[in-house]
Amino acid sequence: MSSHISNVRPKPDKVLVDIADYVGKYKIKSKEALDTARYCLLDTLGCGFEALEYPACTKLLGPVVQGTVVPNGAKVPGTQFQLDPIQAAFNIGTMIRWLDFNDTWLAAEWGHPSDNLGGILAVADWLSRSAVAAGKKPLTVLDVLTGMIKAHEIQGCIALENSFNKVGLDHVVLVKVATTAVVAQMLGLTKDEIVNALSLAWVDGQSLRTYRHAPNTGSRKSWAAGDATSRAVRLALIARTGEMGYPSVLSARTWGFYEVLFKGNEFKFQRPYGSYVMENVLFKISFPAEFHSQTAVEAAMTIHAELRKLGKTDQDVKKITIRTHEACIRIIDKKGPLANPADRDHCIQYMVAVPIIFGRLTAADYEDSIAADPRIDNLRERIVCVEDKKFTRDYHDPDKRSIANALTVEFNDGSKMKEIVVEYPIGHKRRRKEGMPVLVEKFKTNLARVFPSKQAGAILELCLDASRLDGTPVNEFVDLLVA
C-alpha cells in the first residue's frame, strides 16, 4: 500500500528563501568584488563583440519576427537591434558565450557566471529606457555590477558542492536560477514573488549535457546560456503578474527536483552568499579554450618556442603526456574524429596540438579550414592524459583552486624535454596583477572589431574610470555600445 502525500501546502524550501533574502537584502561592500566586476563587465562585452564576426552566431540574433522593434526595448550591444527584454537577453547571452572566451567558475559544477549578464543587462536597459520615458530615474551601471556580483555568487556557491554534470544536467540550470533571482529583484518583486520565480526556474525543464559530449557535441552549447538567461527573464516576468509558485519544488517527495533529477540528494553548501565568487572568478585572457585546458595551452605555447630553439617540429615528437586533474579528463580528454568547432574546443589534445604546431590558439583555429591540416590529428593521436591526484585535490581546495596541467614531450630519438608545469592560468586570482593589463588589451582588440576608433576610445575611457562608470545610466552606457 502506498503512503499518502500530504496535501498541506508546505513552507518554501530553505534554498529558495536563502537566495531571495540574499538578492533582496545583502549589500555589496567588497571593493575587490566591485573592481573585479568592472573588469568582468568589459571582458564579457568584449567576448560578445568578437562573436559578431561569426555567421554561425549572428544568424541567431535579432527579433523572433524579423523587423520587430520594441519602443523603450533593450538594445543589443554591437548591433542595431532593440528588442523585448526576453529576446534581448537571448541575443546578449548568446553573443557572450559563443566563443567560450568569457569568465569561468570551476568546482563540483563548472560554469560561466558572466552568462547571467545577458538577462541582467537586457532588463536593466529596458527598465532604464522605460523609466526615462516616464520621467523617472534610470538604473545605473552600478546596479548592473551589483546584479553581476549576486548572480555570480548564487551560481558559484551552489556549484561549489553540487555536481549537476554527474547526473547529466547542464550547468546552465544555474544561469537560469541566478538570473531569475537577480532580475526578479530588479523588477521590484516582493520576497514571496522572488521565491515563486525561483520555484518556476527549478520546476522548469532542465537542459541535458548531451550537446557538450561525444558523439553529439554541437553548437547548442554556445547558445544554451543565452537560452537559460532569457528563460529566466520570462519566468521573473510571469512571477511579477502574481502567478503562484511551488514551495517544495526541490524537496517534494516523488515529484521534487531532488528525487527526480538529483538522485535523491539535497544540495550542500560550503559557505553563505556574499561576494566570494566574483572575487575569485577565473578570466579567460589568452586563449578561447575550455578552462580546464588553459594551463595546458600555456604550456604548449612554451613547448612551441622550445622546439624552435632545438630545431625540431611536431614531426620529431613521439609522445606528449599531459599530467592533469580529474575534471579535465572527464570533460575534454577526447580521441577520434572531431565533428565541428564545438567538438574541437572541448578536446584538450586539439587545444594542445594547435599551439605546438602553429604557436597560437585563436577562435579561428577551431574552424574547418584549420582543422583540415593533417598534422593536427596526427599529433593528437600522440597525446595522452593521466590524472595526478594532487592536481585533483588542489583543484577542489578552496584556498588554491588551481587548474594545473604539466606536459612532457618525448622525441623519436628517445630524448625528452623537461616537463612544463603551469598550475594557475593568467586569469586566476593569484595572477590578477599580471592578468588585468592583458585583459584590457583583449578588450581593446575586441572593441576595434566593431567600433570606429573614436567610439572605441570613448567606450574604453568610460569603462576604465570606475567612479564615472558606476554612475552612468544604463541606457546611456548601452547607447555608447550600439554599432
Protein backbone atom coordinates (compact mmCIF):
# COMPACT_ATOMS: atom_id res chain seq x y z
CA MET A 1 0.00 0.00 0.00
CA SER A 2 1.40 3.39 -0.95
CA SER A 3 1.60 6.12 1.68
CA HIS A 4 -0.37 9.27 1.05
CA ILE A 5 1.43 12.56 0.43
CA SER A 6 0.04 15.42 2.50
CA ASN A 7 -1.99 17.99 0.61
CA VAL A 8 -1.00 20.72 3.09
CA ARG A 9 0.97 23.38 1.27
CA PRO A 10 4.49 23.41 2.79
CA LYS A 11 6.74 26.32 3.60
CA PRO A 12 9.15 27.22 0.78
CA ASP A 13 12.37 25.26 0.58
CA LYS A 14 15.18 26.95 2.50
CA VAL A 15 17.31 27.09 -0.66
CA LEU A 16 14.72 29.36 -2.29
CA VAL A 17 14.32 31.57 0.78
CA ASP A 18 18.06 31.99 1.25
CA ILE A 19 18.52 33.14 -2.35
CA ALA A 20 15.55 35.53 -2.11
CA ASP A 21 16.90 37.00 1.13
CA TYR A 22 20.35 37.42 -0.41
CA VAL A 23 19.24 39.29 -3.54
CA GLY A 24 16.82 41.43 -1.56
CA LYS A 25 18.88 42.32 1.50
CA TYR A 26 22.60 41.78 1.02
CA LYS A 27 24.69 44.91 0.47
CA ILE A 28 27.85 44.58 -1.61
CA LYS A 29 30.67 46.16 0.39
CA SER A 30 33.68 44.40 -1.10
CA LYS A 31 35.88 46.76 -3.10
CA GLU A 32 37.65 43.73 -4.56
CA ALA A 33 34.35 42.32 -5.83
CA LEU A 34 33.32 45.62 -7.43
CA ASP A 35 36.73 46.15 -9.02
CA THR A 36 36.65 42.61 -10.42
CA ALA A 37 33.07 43.08 -11.62
CA ARG A 38 34.11 46.12 -13.69
CA TYR A 39 36.79 44.06 -15.43
CA CYS A 40 34.25 41.27 -15.83
CA LEU A 41 31.76 43.63 -17.47
CA LEU A 42 34.19 44.90 -20.09
CA ASP A 43 35.61 41.44 -20.78
CA THR A 44 32.17 39.86 -21.13
CA LEU A 45 31.02 42.53 -23.57
CA GLY A 46 34.27 42.17 -25.50
CA CYS A 47 33.70 38.44 -25.90
CA GLY A 48 30.30 39.24 -27.40
CA PHE A 49 31.82 41.72 -29.85
CA GLU A 50 34.29 39.11 -31.09
CA ALA A 51 31.45 36.62 -31.58
CA LEU A 52 29.81 39.03 -34.04
CA GLU A 53 32.48 38.05 -36.56
CA TYR A 54 30.99 34.54 -36.79
CA PRO A 55 27.90 34.00 -39.00
CA ALA A 56 27.00 30.87 -37.03
CA CYS A 57 26.37 33.21 -34.09
CA THR A 58 24.85 36.23 -35.86
CA LYS A 59 22.27 34.10 -37.69
CA LEU A 60 20.62 33.52 -34.29
CA LEU A 61 20.44 37.19 -33.33
CA GLY A 62 17.68 39.74 -33.78
CA PRO A 63 13.94 39.64 -33.09
CA VAL A 64 11.89 36.47 -33.33
CA VAL A 65 9.82 38.15 -36.05
CA GLN A 66 12.05 40.00 -38.49
CA GLY A 67 11.64 43.77 -38.46
CA THR A 68 10.20 43.97 -34.96
CA VAL A 69 11.37 46.98 -32.96
CA VAL A 70 10.24 47.47 -29.36
CA PRO A 71 9.81 51.07 -28.15
CA ASN A 72 11.89 51.52 -25.00
CA GLY A 73 13.17 47.99 -25.53
CA ALA A 74 16.64 46.75 -24.64
CA LYS A 75 19.38 47.36 -27.17
CA VAL A 76 21.83 44.61 -28.10
CA PRO A 77 25.43 45.89 -27.86
CA GLY A 78 27.38 45.80 -31.09
CA THR A 79 24.22 45.67 -33.22
CA GLN A 80 21.26 47.82 -34.25
CA PHE A 81 18.67 45.58 -32.57
CA GLN A 82 16.23 46.95 -29.99
CA LEU A 83 14.17 44.10 -28.58
CA ASP A 84 11.89 43.00 -25.78
CA PRO A 85 13.97 42.05 -22.71
CA ILE A 86 13.44 38.30 -23.16
CA GLN A 87 14.78 38.19 -26.71
CA ALA A 88 17.44 40.77 -25.91
CA ALA A 89 18.65 38.51 -23.10
CA PHE A 90 18.92 35.62 -25.56
CA ASN A 91 20.85 37.78 -28.02
CA ILE A 92 23.30 39.15 -25.46
CA GLY A 93 23.71 35.81 -23.71
CA THR A 94 24.39 34.01 -26.97
CA MET A 95 27.00 36.57 -28.07
CA ILE A 96 28.75 36.40 -24.71
CA ARG A 97 29.02 32.63 -24.67
CA TRP A 98 29.60 31.86 -28.34
CA LEU A 99 33.40 31.60 -28.39
CA ASP A 100 33.90 30.07 -24.92
CA PHE A 101 36.06 33.06 -24.02
CA ASN A 102 34.22 34.61 -21.04
CA ASP A 103 34.86 34.01 -17.35
CA THR A 104 34.73 30.62 -15.67
CA TRP A 105 33.95 29.03 -12.31
CA LEU A 106 35.32 25.58 -11.51
CA ALA A 107 34.12 23.48 -8.60
CA ALA A 108 31.94 20.37 -8.21
CA GLU A 109 29.98 22.00 -11.05
CA TRP A 110 31.52 24.12 -13.79
CA GLY A 111 30.10 27.15 -15.47
CA HIS A 112 30.49 30.70 -16.70
CA PRO A 113 28.84 33.17 -14.30
CA SER A 114 29.08 36.11 -16.70
CA ASP A 115 26.50 34.30 -18.83
CA ASN A 116 23.99 35.93 -16.48
CA LEU A 117 24.83 39.36 -17.91
CA GLY A 118 22.52 38.56 -20.84
CA GLY A 119 19.43 38.84 -18.66
CA ILE A 120 20.79 41.42 -16.23
CA LEU A 121 21.85 43.94 -18.87
CA ALA A 122 18.75 43.44 -21.03
CA VAL A 123 16.37 44.02 -18.13
CA ALA A 124 18.40 46.92 -16.72
CA ASP A 125 18.41 48.66 -20.11
CA TRP A 126 14.69 48.07 -20.70
CA LEU A 127 13.78 49.30 -17.21
CA SER A 128 16.02 52.35 -17.64
CA ARG A 129 14.54 53.34 -21.01
CA SER A 130 11.04 52.84 -19.63
CA ALA A 131 11.88 54.95 -16.57
CA VAL A 132 13.32 57.79 -18.66
CA ALA A 133 10.23 57.74 -20.90
CA ALA A 134 8.09 58.09 -17.77
CA GLY A 135 10.20 60.92 -16.36
CA LYS A 136 11.81 58.74 -13.70
CA LYS A 137 15.41 57.92 -12.84
CA PRO A 138 17.07 55.06 -14.74
CA LEU A 139 19.23 52.35 -13.22
CA THR A 140 22.97 52.92 -13.24
CA VAL A 141 25.86 50.68 -14.23
CA LEU A 142 26.49 50.18 -10.50
CA ASP A 143 23.12 48.37 -10.37
CA VAL A 144 24.33 46.11 -13.17
CA LEU A 145 27.62 45.43 -11.37
CA THR A 146 25.75 44.62 -8.17
CA GLY A 147 23.48 42.25 -10.08
CA MET A 148 26.50 40.58 -11.66
CA ILE A 149 28.17 40.03 -8.28
CA LYS A 150 25.00 38.49 -6.87
CA ALA A 151 24.37 36.28 -9.91
CA HIS A 152 27.99 35.11 -9.79
CA GLU A 153 27.56 34.32 -6.10
CA ILE A 154 24.34 32.33 -6.48
CA GLN A 155 25.58 30.29 -9.41
CA GLY A 156 29.04 29.79 -7.92
CA CYS A 157 28.06 28.92 -4.35
CA ILE A 158 25.59 26.28 -5.49
CA ALA A 159 28.26 24.92 -7.84
CA LEU A 160 30.87 24.57 -5.08
CA GLU A 161 29.44 21.37 -3.61
CA ASN A 162 26.79 20.18 -6.08
CA SER A 163 27.61 18.43 -9.34
CA PHE A 164 24.86 18.68 -11.92
CA ASN A 165 27.09 17.22 -14.63
CA LYS A 166 27.29 13.93 -12.74
CA VAL A 167 23.53 13.49 -13.12
CA GLY A 168 23.63 14.53 -16.78
CA LEU A 169 22.32 18.09 -16.36
CA ASP A 170 23.98 21.11 -17.91
CA HIS A 171 25.36 23.91 -15.77
CA VAL A 172 23.07 26.45 -17.46
CA VAL A 173 20.39 25.44 -14.95
CA LEU A 174 22.35 27.63 -12.52
CA VAL A 175 22.39 30.52 -15.00
CA LYS A 176 18.61 30.29 -15.15
CA VAL A 177 18.27 30.24 -11.35
CA ALA A 178 20.78 33.04 -10.70
CA THR A 179 19.41 35.32 -13.42
CA THR A 180 15.85 34.69 -12.24
CA ALA A 181 16.72 35.81 -8.73
CA VAL A 182 18.61 38.94 -9.73
CA VAL A 183 16.17 40.02 -12.43
CA ALA A 184 13.20 39.43 -10.12
CA GLN A 185 14.77 41.80 -7.59
CA MET A 186 15.48 44.38 -10.33
CA LEU A 187 11.82 44.18 -11.36
CA GLY A 188 10.77 45.06 -7.82
CA LEU A 189 9.24 41.73 -6.87
CA THR A 190 8.48 41.07 -3.20
CA LYS A 191 10.34 38.35 -1.33
CA ASP A 192 7.44 35.94 -1.78
CA GLU A 193 7.29 36.71 -5.51
CA ILE A 194 11.04 36.12 -5.85
CA VAL A 195 10.60 32.76 -4.13
CA ASN A 196 7.81 31.96 -6.60
CA ALA A 197 10.01 32.94 -9.53
CA LEU A 198 12.85 30.75 -8.27
CA SER A 199 10.48 27.81 -7.88
CA LEU A 200 9.42 28.26 -11.50
CA ALA A 201 13.08 28.13 -12.54
CA TRP A 202 13.71 24.88 -10.68
CA VAL A 203 10.48 23.22 -11.80
CA ASP A 204 11.23 24.17 -15.41
CA GLY A 205 12.66 21.62 -17.84
CA GLN A 206 16.46 21.47 -17.45
CA SER A 207 18.98 21.11 -20.27
CA LEU A 208 20.80 17.83 -20.73
CA ARG A 209 24.57 17.93 -21.26
CA THR A 210 24.12 15.93 -24.46
CA TYR A 211 25.29 18.80 -26.66
CA ARG A 212 28.60 19.07 -24.79
CA HIS A 213 29.73 15.48 -25.19
CA ALA A 214 30.63 12.99 -27.89
CA PRO A 215 29.07 11.78 -30.07
CA ASN A 216 26.58 14.70 -30.06
CA THR A 217 28.79 17.72 -29.33
CA GLY A 218 27.35 20.71 -31.13
CA SER A 219 26.75 24.44 -31.31
CA ARG A 220 23.85 24.46 -28.85
CA LYS A 221 26.49 24.65 -26.14
CA SER A 222 27.23 28.13 -27.49
CA TRP A 223 23.65 29.40 -27.14
CA ALA A 224 22.41 27.30 -24.21
CA ALA A 225 23.29 30.01 -21.69
CA GLY A 226 21.56 32.64 -23.82
CA ASP A 227 18.50 30.42 -23.75
CA ALA A 228 18.77 30.00 -19.97
CA THR A 229 19.20 33.69 -19.14
CA SER A 230 16.33 34.66 -21.44
CA ARG A 231 14.10 31.99 -19.92
CA ALA A 232 14.92 33.43 -16.51
CA VAL A 233 13.67 36.84 -17.61
CA ARG A 234 10.47 35.24 -18.86
CA LEU A 235 9.88 33.41 -15.57
CA ALA A 236 10.56 36.53 -13.47
CA LEU A 237 8.04 38.45 -15.57
CA ILE A 238 5.49 35.66 -15.10
CA ALA A 239 6.03 35.78 -11.34
CA ARG A 240 5.53 39.55 -11.44
CA THR A 241 1.94 39.01 -12.58
CA GLY A 242 1.23 37.28 -9.27
CA GLU A 243 1.45 33.78 -10.72
CA MET A 244 1.78 31.19 -7.98
CA GLY A 245 4.95 29.26 -7.16
CA TYR A 246 5.74 25.75 -5.96
CA PRO A 247 7.23 25.96 -2.46
CA SER A 248 8.71 22.47 -2.15
CA VAL A 249 9.86 22.28 -5.77
CA LEU A 250 13.20 20.88 -4.62
CA SER A 251 12.27 18.70 -1.67
CA ALA A 252 8.83 17.34 -2.56
CA ARG A 253 8.62 13.56 -2.26
CA THR A 254 8.45 11.73 -5.61
CA TRP A 255 7.92 14.86 -7.72
CA GLY A 256 10.60 17.27 -6.48
CA PHE A 257 13.88 18.19 -8.15
CA TYR A 258 15.98 16.22 -5.68
CA GLU A 259 14.18 12.92 -6.28
CA VAL A 260 13.51 13.32 -10.00
CA LEU A 261 16.80 14.83 -11.16
CA PHE A 262 19.38 14.74 -8.34
CA LYS A 263 19.34 11.10 -7.24
CA GLY A 264 17.51 12.00 -4.04
CA ASN A 265 20.34 14.16 -2.73
CA GLU A 266 19.74 17.57 -1.21
CA PHE A 267 22.00 20.47 -2.14
CA LYS A 268 25.05 21.04 0.07
CA PHE A 269 26.57 24.44 0.77
CA GLN A 270 30.14 25.32 1.67
CA ARG A 271 29.58 28.97 2.56
CA PRO A 272 26.83 31.61 2.86
CA TYR A 273 26.20 34.01 -0.03
CA GLY A 274 28.45 37.06 -0.09
CA SER A 275 30.88 38.15 -2.80
CA TYR A 276 33.37 35.26 -2.78
CA VAL A 277 32.70 34.08 -6.32
CA MET A 278 33.29 37.39 -8.09
CA GLU A 279 36.44 37.90 -6.03
CA ASN A 280 37.79 34.51 -7.12
CA VAL A 281 36.35 34.15 -10.63
CA LEU A 282 38.64 32.95 -13.42
CA PHE A 283 39.14 35.03 -16.56
CA LYS A 284 39.97 33.56 -19.94
CA ILE A 285 42.54 36.05 -21.09
CA SER A 286 44.90 34.45 -23.58
CA PHE A 287 43.02 31.61 -25.23
CA PRO A 288 39.41 30.88 -26.27
CA ALA A 289 39.59 27.39 -24.83
CA GLU A 290 37.63 25.33 -22.30
CA PHE A 291 39.08 26.42 -18.98
CA HIS A 292 40.44 23.07 -17.84
CA SER A 293 42.86 23.32 -20.77
CA GLN A 294 44.08 26.89 -20.22
CA THR A 295 47.28 25.95 -18.40
CA ALA A 296 47.92 23.14 -20.88
CA VAL A 297 47.67 25.59 -23.79
CA GLU A 298 50.02 27.98 -22.00
CA ALA A 299 52.49 25.12 -21.55
CA ALA A 300 52.06 24.14 -25.21
CA MET A 301 52.99 27.67 -26.28
CA THR A 302 56.21 27.32 -24.28
CA ILE A 303 56.88 23.97 -25.94
CA HIS A 304 56.41 25.52 -29.38
CA ALA A 305 59.10 28.08 -28.60
CA GLU A 306 61.43 25.43 -27.16
CA LEU A 307 61.00 23.20 -30.23
CA ARG A 308 62.07 26.09 -32.45
CA LYS A 309 65.18 26.65 -30.35
CA LEU A 310 66.04 22.96 -30.69
CA GLY A 311 65.45 22.99 -34.43
CA LYS A 312 62.63 20.47 -34.05
CA THR A 313 58.95 20.32 -35.10
CA ASP A 314 55.90 18.30 -34.20
CA GLN A 315 57.17 15.62 -36.58
CA ASP A 316 60.00 14.90 -34.15
CA VAL A 317 57.58 14.22 -31.30
CA LYS A 318 56.93 10.59 -30.34
CA LYS A 319 54.55 11.24 -27.44
CA ILE A 320 53.21 14.03 -25.22
CA THR A 321 51.93 13.17 -21.75
CA ILE A 322 49.57 15.61 -20.04
CA ARG A 323 49.60 15.23 -16.26
CA THR A 324 46.27 16.75 -15.25
CA HIS A 325 43.29 16.81 -12.89
CA GLU A 326 40.23 14.53 -12.96
CA ALA A 327 37.76 17.12 -14.25
CA CYS A 328 39.92 17.77 -17.30
CA ILE A 329 39.96 14.09 -18.19
CA ARG A 330 36.22 13.75 -17.67
CA ILE A 331 35.29 16.73 -19.85
CA ILE A 332 37.85 17.26 -22.61
CA ASP A 333 40.05 14.15 -22.98
CA LYS A 334 38.96 13.02 -26.45
CA LYS A 335 40.16 10.59 -29.09
CA GLY A 336 38.81 10.00 -32.58
CA PRO A 337 37.17 12.34 -35.11
CA LEU A 338 36.01 15.83 -34.12
CA ALA A 339 32.87 16.91 -35.95
CA ASN A 340 32.77 20.70 -35.60
CA PRO A 341 34.25 23.73 -33.79
CA ALA A 342 32.18 22.96 -30.69
CA ASP A 343 33.74 19.50 -30.60
CA ARG A 344 37.27 20.83 -31.08
CA ASP A 345 37.20 23.47 -28.34
CA HIS A 346 36.32 20.70 -25.89
CA CYS A 347 39.25 18.44 -26.83
CA ILE A 348 42.44 19.02 -24.87
CA GLN A 349 44.51 17.14 -27.44
CA TYR A 350 43.34 19.53 -30.16
CA MET A 351 43.93 22.58 -27.97
CA VAL A 352 47.48 21.44 -27.23
CA ALA A 353 48.32 20.30 -30.77
CA VAL A 354 47.42 23.59 -32.46
CA PRO A 355 49.74 25.84 -30.41
CA ILE A 356 52.58 23.32 -30.60
CA ILE A 357 52.31 23.31 -34.40
CA PHE A 358 51.38 26.94 -35.08
CA GLY A 359 52.40 28.85 -31.96
CA ARG A 360 48.88 30.21 -31.42
CA LEU A 361 45.32 29.28 -30.45
CA THR A 362 42.54 31.61 -31.63
CA ALA A 363 38.82 31.16 -32.19
CA ALA A 364 39.50 30.77 -35.91
CA ASP A 365 41.69 27.74 -35.21
CA TYR A 366 38.60 25.66 -34.42
CA GLU A 367 37.13 26.19 -37.88
CA ASP A 368 37.19 23.51 -40.60
CA SER A 369 39.84 25.29 -42.67
CA ILE A 370 42.44 24.91 -39.91
CA ALA A 371 41.22 21.56 -38.59
CA ALA A 372 41.76 20.07 -42.06
CA ASP A 373 45.55 20.29 -41.59
CA PRO A 374 46.54 16.60 -41.15
CA ARG A 375 49.34 17.48 -38.74
CA ILE A 376 46.78 18.32 -36.04
CA ASP A 377 45.05 14.94 -35.90
CA ASN A 378 48.38 13.21 -36.34
CA LEU A 379 49.78 14.92 -33.25
CA ARG A 380 46.53 14.45 -31.33
CA GLU A 381 46.98 10.69 -31.58
CA ARG A 382 50.30 11.01 -29.76
CA ILE A 383 48.92 12.99 -26.80
CA VAL A 384 47.71 11.15 -23.69
CA CYS A 385 46.25 12.36 -20.38
CA VAL A 386 46.96 10.88 -16.95
CA GLU A 387 45.44 12.02 -13.67
CA ASP A 388 47.61 13.48 -10.94
CA LYS A 389 45.75 13.05 -7.64
CA LYS A 390 47.45 16.11 -6.14
CA PHE A 391 46.33 18.25 -9.08
CA THR A 392 42.79 16.99 -8.47
CA ARG A 393 42.97 17.84 -4.74
CA ASP A 394 44.36 21.30 -5.43
CA TYR A 395 41.60 21.88 -7.99
CA HIS A 396 38.97 21.42 -5.25
CA ASP A 397 40.91 23.19 -2.47
CA PRO A 398 39.03 26.49 -1.84
CA ASP A 399 42.29 28.23 -0.88
CA LYS A 400 44.09 27.13 -4.06
CA ARG A 401 41.52 26.45 -6.79
CA SER A 402 44.34 25.52 -9.15
CA ILE A 403 43.75 24.25 -12.70
CA ALA A 404 47.10 22.56 -13.16
CA ASN A 405 48.49 20.83 -16.24
CA ALA A 406 52.00 19.51 -16.85
CA LEU A 407 53.28 18.49 -20.30
CA THR A 408 56.18 16.15 -21.05
CA VAL A 409 57.45 15.77 -24.62
CA GLU A 410 59.25 12.59 -25.72
CA PHE A 411 61.13 12.64 -29.03
CA ASN A 412 61.58 9.93 -31.63
CA ASP A 413 65.28 9.69 -30.75
CA GLY A 414 64.46 8.72 -27.16
CA SER A 415 65.25 12.07 -25.56
CA LYS A 416 62.78 14.15 -23.53
CA MET A 417 62.11 17.79 -22.83
CA LYS A 418 61.94 18.93 -19.22
CA GLU A 419 58.33 18.81 -18.04
CA ILE A 420 56.49 22.15 -18.39
CA VAL A 421 54.19 22.74 -15.41
CA VAL A 422 51.58 25.52 -15.17
CA GLU A 423 49.36 25.42 -12.08
CA TYR A 424 47.48 28.71 -12.35
CA PRO A 425 46.37 30.33 -15.63
CA ILE A 426 46.92 34.02 -16.19
CA GLY A 427 43.23 34.67 -15.48
CA HIS A 428 43.45 33.23 -11.96
CA LYS A 429 43.12 35.41 -8.85
CA ARG A 430 46.75 34.59 -7.96
CA ARG A 431 47.83 36.23 -11.23
CA ARG A 432 45.47 39.24 -11.19
CA LYS A 433 48.25 41.84 -11.24
CA GLU A 434 49.79 40.17 -14.28
CA GLY A 435 46.48 39.41 -15.95
CA MET A 436 44.39 42.57 -15.80
CA PRO A 437 46.54 44.67 -18.17
CA VAL A 438 46.35 41.80 -20.66
CA LEU A 439 42.59 41.63 -20.15
CA VAL A 440 42.31 45.32 -21.04
CA GLU A 441 44.32 44.71 -24.21
CA LYS A 442 41.93 41.89 -25.09
CA PHE A 443 39.04 44.34 -24.66
CA LYS A 444 40.73 46.95 -26.87
CA THR A 445 41.16 44.34 -29.60
CA ASN A 446 37.51 43.34 -29.38
CA LEU A 447 36.27 46.94 -29.43
CA ALA A 448 38.23 47.52 -32.63
CA ARG A 449 36.36 44.64 -34.29
CA VAL A 450 33.05 46.53 -34.08
CA PHE A 451 33.52 50.25 -33.47
CA PRO A 452 35.38 53.11 -35.20
CA SER A 453 38.41 54.28 -33.25
CA LYS A 454 36.78 57.38 -31.71
CA GLN A 455 33.81 55.41 -30.36
CA ALA A 456 36.04 52.57 -29.18
CA GLY A 457 38.21 55.10 -27.35
CA ALA A 458 35.20 56.65 -25.61
CA ILE A 459 33.95 53.22 -24.50
CA LEU A 460 37.36 52.23 -23.16
CA GLU A 461 37.83 55.54 -21.34
CA LEU A 462 34.46 55.17 -19.62
CA CYS A 463 34.99 51.51 -18.69
CA LEU A 464 38.34 52.26 -17.05
CA ASP A 465 37.02 55.20 -14.98
CA ALA A 466 35.37 53.44 -12.03
CA SER A 467 33.52 56.35 -10.44
CA ARG A 468 32.24 57.67 -13.76
CA LEU A 469 31.22 54.20 -14.98
CA ASP A 470 29.31 53.32 -11.81
CA GLY A 471 27.13 56.42 -12.02
CA THR A 472 26.37 56.20 -15.74
CA PRO A 473 22.69 55.48 -16.54
CA VAL A 474 22.39 52.02 -18.08
CA ASN A 475 20.57 53.30 -21.16
CA GLU A 476 23.33 55.83 -21.85
CA PHE A 477 26.00 53.18 -21.36
CA VAL A 478 24.30 50.81 -23.80
CA ASP A 479 23.73 53.62 -26.32
CA LEU A 480 27.51 54.04 -26.41
CA LEU A 481 27.79 50.35 -27.33
CA VAL A 482 25.46 50.44 -30.33
CA ALA A 483 27.26 49.79 -33.60
